[in-house]
N, C-alpha and C. Protein backbone atom coordinates (compact mmCIF):
# COMPACT_ATOMS: atom_id res chain seq x y z
N MET A 1 86.98 94.70 138.16
CA MET A 1 86.25 95.29 137.06
C MET A 1 85.98 96.77 137.34
N LYS A 2 85.84 97.13 138.61
CA LYS A 2 85.55 98.52 138.95
C LYS A 2 86.65 99.45 138.45
N GLN A 3 87.89 98.97 138.46
CA GLN A 3 89.01 99.76 137.96
C GLN A 3 88.80 100.15 136.50
N PHE A 4 88.11 99.32 135.75
CA PHE A 4 87.92 99.54 134.32
C PHE A 4 86.54 100.11 133.97
N GLU A 5 85.80 100.54 134.97
CA GLU A 5 84.44 101.03 134.75
C GLU A 5 84.39 102.16 133.71
N ASN A 6 85.32 103.11 133.78
CA ASN A 6 85.35 104.21 132.81
C ASN A 6 85.59 103.70 131.39
N PHE A 7 86.44 102.69 131.26
CA PHE A 7 86.71 102.11 129.95
C PHE A 7 85.45 101.48 129.37
N TYR A 8 84.75 100.70 130.19
CA TYR A 8 83.55 100.02 129.70
C TYR A 8 82.41 101.00 129.42
N THR A 9 82.32 102.07 130.19
CA THR A 9 81.32 103.11 129.91
C THR A 9 81.62 103.74 128.55
N PHE A 10 82.89 104.04 128.30
CA PHE A 10 83.28 104.58 127.00
C PHE A 10 82.97 103.58 125.88
N LEU A 11 83.32 102.30 126.08
CA LEU A 11 83.10 101.29 125.04
C LEU A 11 81.62 101.10 124.72
N ARG A 12 80.76 101.19 125.72
CA ARG A 12 79.32 101.04 125.49
C ARG A 12 78.86 102.07 124.45
N GLU A 13 79.29 103.31 124.61
CA GLU A 13 78.91 104.37 123.66
C GLU A 13 79.63 104.20 122.33
N TYR A 14 80.90 103.83 122.39
CA TYR A 14 81.71 103.66 121.19
C TYR A 14 81.09 102.58 120.28
N CYS A 15 80.63 101.50 120.86
CA CYS A 15 80.08 100.38 120.08
C CYS A 15 78.77 100.75 119.39
N LYS A 16 78.07 101.75 119.89
CA LYS A 16 76.82 102.18 119.25
C LYS A 16 77.08 102.81 117.89
N ASN A 17 78.30 103.29 117.67
CA ASN A 17 78.64 103.99 116.43
C ASN A 17 79.48 103.15 115.48
N CYS A 18 79.64 101.87 115.77
CA CYS A 18 80.41 100.99 114.89
C CYS A 18 79.85 99.57 115.01
N SER A 19 80.49 98.63 114.37
CA SER A 19 79.99 97.25 114.35
C SER A 19 80.54 96.38 115.47
N LEU A 20 81.34 96.95 116.37
CA LEU A 20 81.83 96.17 117.50
C LEU A 20 80.66 95.77 118.39
N SER A 21 80.71 94.55 118.90
CA SER A 21 79.66 94.04 119.77
C SER A 21 80.06 94.24 121.23
N TYR A 22 79.34 95.09 121.94
CA TYR A 22 79.62 95.33 123.35
C TYR A 22 79.44 94.03 124.15
N ASP A 23 78.45 93.23 123.78
CA ASP A 23 78.22 91.96 124.48
C ASP A 23 79.41 91.02 124.34
N LYS A 24 79.98 90.95 123.14
CA LYS A 24 81.14 90.09 122.93
C LYS A 24 82.35 90.62 123.70
N ILE A 25 82.50 91.92 123.76
CA ILE A 25 83.59 92.52 124.52
C ILE A 25 83.44 92.18 126.00
N MET A 26 82.23 92.28 126.51
CA MET A 26 81.98 92.01 127.93
C MET A 26 82.25 90.55 128.30
N LYS A 27 82.09 89.65 127.36
CA LYS A 27 82.31 88.22 127.62
C LYS A 27 83.78 87.82 127.45
N SER A 28 84.59 88.72 126.94
CA SER A 28 85.99 88.41 126.67
C SER A 28 86.86 88.62 127.90
N PRO A 29 87.93 87.83 128.01
CA PRO A 29 88.89 88.08 129.08
C PRO A 29 89.56 89.43 128.87
N TYR A 30 90.06 90.01 129.92
CA TYR A 30 90.66 91.34 129.82
C TYR A 30 91.82 91.47 130.81
N ALA A 31 92.63 92.48 130.55
CA ALA A 31 93.74 92.82 131.45
C ALA A 31 94.01 94.31 131.24
N GLY A 32 94.73 94.91 132.15
CA GLY A 32 95.07 96.31 131.96
C GLY A 32 95.51 96.98 133.23
N ASN A 33 95.54 98.30 133.16
CA ASN A 33 95.88 99.13 134.30
C ASN A 33 95.10 100.44 134.18
N LYS A 34 95.48 101.47 134.91
CA LYS A 34 94.71 102.71 134.91
C LYS A 34 94.76 103.45 133.57
N ASP A 35 95.73 103.11 132.72
CA ASP A 35 95.91 103.81 131.44
C ASP A 35 95.49 103.01 130.22
N ARG A 36 95.22 101.73 130.39
CA ARG A 36 94.88 100.90 129.23
C ARG A 36 94.06 99.69 129.64
N LEU A 37 93.25 99.27 128.70
CA LEU A 37 92.46 98.05 128.86
C LEU A 37 92.70 97.20 127.63
N LEU A 38 93.04 95.95 127.84
CA LEU A 38 93.26 95.01 126.75
C LEU A 38 92.13 94.00 126.74
N ILE A 39 91.46 93.85 125.61
CA ILE A 39 90.44 92.82 125.44
C ILE A 39 91.13 91.66 124.75
N LEU A 40 91.06 90.49 125.35
CA LEU A 40 91.88 89.35 124.94
C LEU A 40 91.06 88.21 124.36
N ARG A 41 91.75 87.33 123.67
CA ARG A 41 91.18 86.08 123.22
C ARG A 41 92.11 84.96 123.67
N VAL A 42 91.54 83.99 124.35
CA VAL A 42 92.30 82.83 124.82
C VAL A 42 91.72 81.60 124.15
N ASP A 43 92.57 80.78 123.59
CA ASP A 43 92.13 79.53 122.98
C ASP A 43 92.02 78.48 124.09
N TYR A 44 90.85 78.39 124.70
CA TYR A 44 90.66 77.51 125.86
C TYR A 44 90.80 76.03 125.52
N GLU A 45 90.47 75.66 124.29
CA GLU A 45 90.64 74.26 123.89
C GLU A 45 92.12 73.89 123.90
N ARG A 46 92.96 74.77 123.40
CA ARG A 46 94.40 74.52 123.39
C ARG A 46 94.93 74.48 124.83
N VAL A 47 94.44 75.38 125.66
CA VAL A 47 94.88 75.41 127.05
C VAL A 47 94.50 74.10 127.75
N LYS A 48 93.31 73.58 127.47
CA LYS A 48 92.88 72.32 128.08
C LYS A 48 93.83 71.18 127.70
N LEU A 49 94.26 71.17 126.44
CA LEU A 49 95.13 70.10 125.97
C LEU A 49 96.55 70.21 126.52
N LYS A 50 97.06 71.42 126.60
CA LYS A 50 98.45 71.60 126.99
C LYS A 50 98.63 72.07 128.43
N GLY A 51 97.57 72.59 129.04
CA GLY A 51 97.66 73.07 130.41
C GLY A 51 98.73 74.15 130.55
N LEU A 52 99.52 74.07 131.59
CA LEU A 52 100.56 75.06 131.84
C LEU A 52 101.69 74.98 130.83
N ALA A 53 101.76 73.91 130.04
CA ALA A 53 102.80 73.80 129.01
C ALA A 53 102.52 74.73 127.82
N ASP A 54 101.31 75.27 127.73
CA ASP A 54 100.98 76.19 126.64
C ASP A 54 101.51 77.57 127.00
N ASP A 55 102.57 77.96 126.35
CA ASP A 55 103.21 79.23 126.68
C ASP A 55 102.87 80.35 125.70
N ARG A 56 101.88 80.11 124.84
CA ARG A 56 101.45 81.16 123.92
C ARG A 56 100.68 82.23 124.70
N PRO A 57 100.99 83.48 124.45
CA PRO A 57 100.24 84.54 125.14
C PRO A 57 98.83 84.66 124.57
N ALA A 58 97.96 85.23 125.34
CA ALA A 58 96.61 85.52 124.85
C ALA A 58 96.71 86.54 123.73
N GLU A 59 95.84 86.44 122.76
CA GLU A 59 95.82 87.38 121.64
C GLU A 59 95.10 88.66 122.06
N VAL A 60 95.69 89.81 121.79
CA VAL A 60 95.06 91.09 122.09
C VAL A 60 94.17 91.46 120.90
N LEU A 61 92.87 91.50 121.15
CA LEU A 61 91.92 91.85 120.10
C LEU A 61 91.66 93.34 120.04
N LEU A 62 91.68 93.97 121.20
CA LEU A 62 91.34 95.40 121.27
C LEU A 62 92.18 96.03 122.38
N THR A 63 92.74 97.19 122.09
CA THR A 63 93.47 97.96 123.09
C THR A 63 92.77 99.30 123.23
N ILE A 64 92.42 99.66 124.44
CA ILE A 64 91.80 100.96 124.70
C ILE A 64 92.76 101.72 125.60
N LEU A 65 93.23 102.86 125.10
CA LEU A 65 94.18 103.69 125.84
C LEU A 65 93.48 104.92 126.37
N ARG A 66 93.87 105.35 127.56
CA ARG A 66 93.34 106.59 128.13
C ARG A 66 94.52 107.51 128.40
N ASP A 67 94.46 108.73 127.83
CA ASP A 67 95.56 109.67 128.04
C ASP A 67 95.37 110.47 129.33
N SER A 68 96.32 111.34 129.63
CA SER A 68 96.30 112.10 130.88
C SER A 68 95.11 113.06 130.98
N GLU A 69 94.49 113.37 129.84
CA GLU A 69 93.32 114.25 129.83
C GLU A 69 92.01 113.48 129.89
N GLY A 70 92.10 112.16 129.94
CA GLY A 70 90.90 111.32 130.03
C GLY A 70 90.29 110.94 128.69
N ASN A 71 90.99 111.23 127.60
CA ASN A 71 90.51 110.86 126.26
C ASN A 71 90.89 109.42 125.95
N PHE A 72 90.00 108.72 125.25
CA PHE A 72 90.21 107.32 124.93
C PHE A 72 90.57 107.14 123.46
N THR A 73 91.43 106.16 123.18
CA THR A 73 91.78 105.76 121.83
C THR A 73 91.61 104.26 121.74
N VAL A 74 90.96 103.78 120.68
CA VAL A 74 90.74 102.36 120.47
C VAL A 74 91.63 101.89 119.32
N ILE A 75 92.36 100.80 119.57
CA ILE A 75 93.21 100.19 118.55
C ILE A 75 92.76 98.75 118.39
N GLU A 76 92.37 98.40 117.17
CA GLU A 76 91.89 97.05 116.90
C GLU A 76 93.05 96.15 116.52
N GLY A 77 93.07 94.96 117.11
CA GLY A 77 94.05 93.95 116.76
C GLY A 77 93.67 93.28 115.45
N GLU A 78 94.55 92.43 114.97
CA GLU A 78 94.39 91.78 113.68
C GLU A 78 93.08 91.00 113.54
N ASN A 79 92.64 90.34 114.60
CA ASN A 79 91.44 89.50 114.52
C ASN A 79 90.23 90.09 115.24
N ALA A 80 90.23 91.37 115.50
CA ALA A 80 89.09 91.99 116.19
C ALA A 80 87.79 91.77 115.42
N LYS A 81 87.84 91.94 114.11
CA LYS A 81 86.61 91.77 113.31
C LYS A 81 86.09 90.35 113.39
N LYS A 82 86.98 89.40 113.45
CA LYS A 82 86.58 87.99 113.47
C LYS A 82 85.87 87.62 114.78
N TYR A 83 86.33 88.19 115.91
CA TYR A 83 85.83 87.76 117.20
C TYR A 83 84.96 88.77 117.94
N LEU A 84 85.04 90.04 117.59
CA LEU A 84 84.33 91.06 118.38
C LEU A 84 83.26 91.83 117.61
N TYR A 85 83.14 91.60 116.33
CA TYR A 85 82.13 92.34 115.57
C TYR A 85 80.82 91.56 115.54
N ASP A 86 79.73 92.30 115.36
CA ASP A 86 78.44 91.65 115.17
C ASP A 86 78.47 90.83 113.89
N ASP A 87 77.76 89.72 113.90
CA ASP A 87 77.73 88.84 112.73
C ASP A 87 76.97 89.43 111.58
């Protein structure tokens, strides 16, 4: 998580200016590298039923990109509003 500290610091402020829920983002699975952070959604009920036979990838709800100058860009996936916005 320390690798993504800058991303989460940015998201904390970003969420104050929109309807995205920082708490929901923090509870979501994630993946990424030094240039991007992906906030994911995993259907755990389906995974329980199929186990390793479930070959569907996790759904990307939010992509946060960081450019070489340290600027961030947020790209919302198709279901971001459904799973990451305040009710």
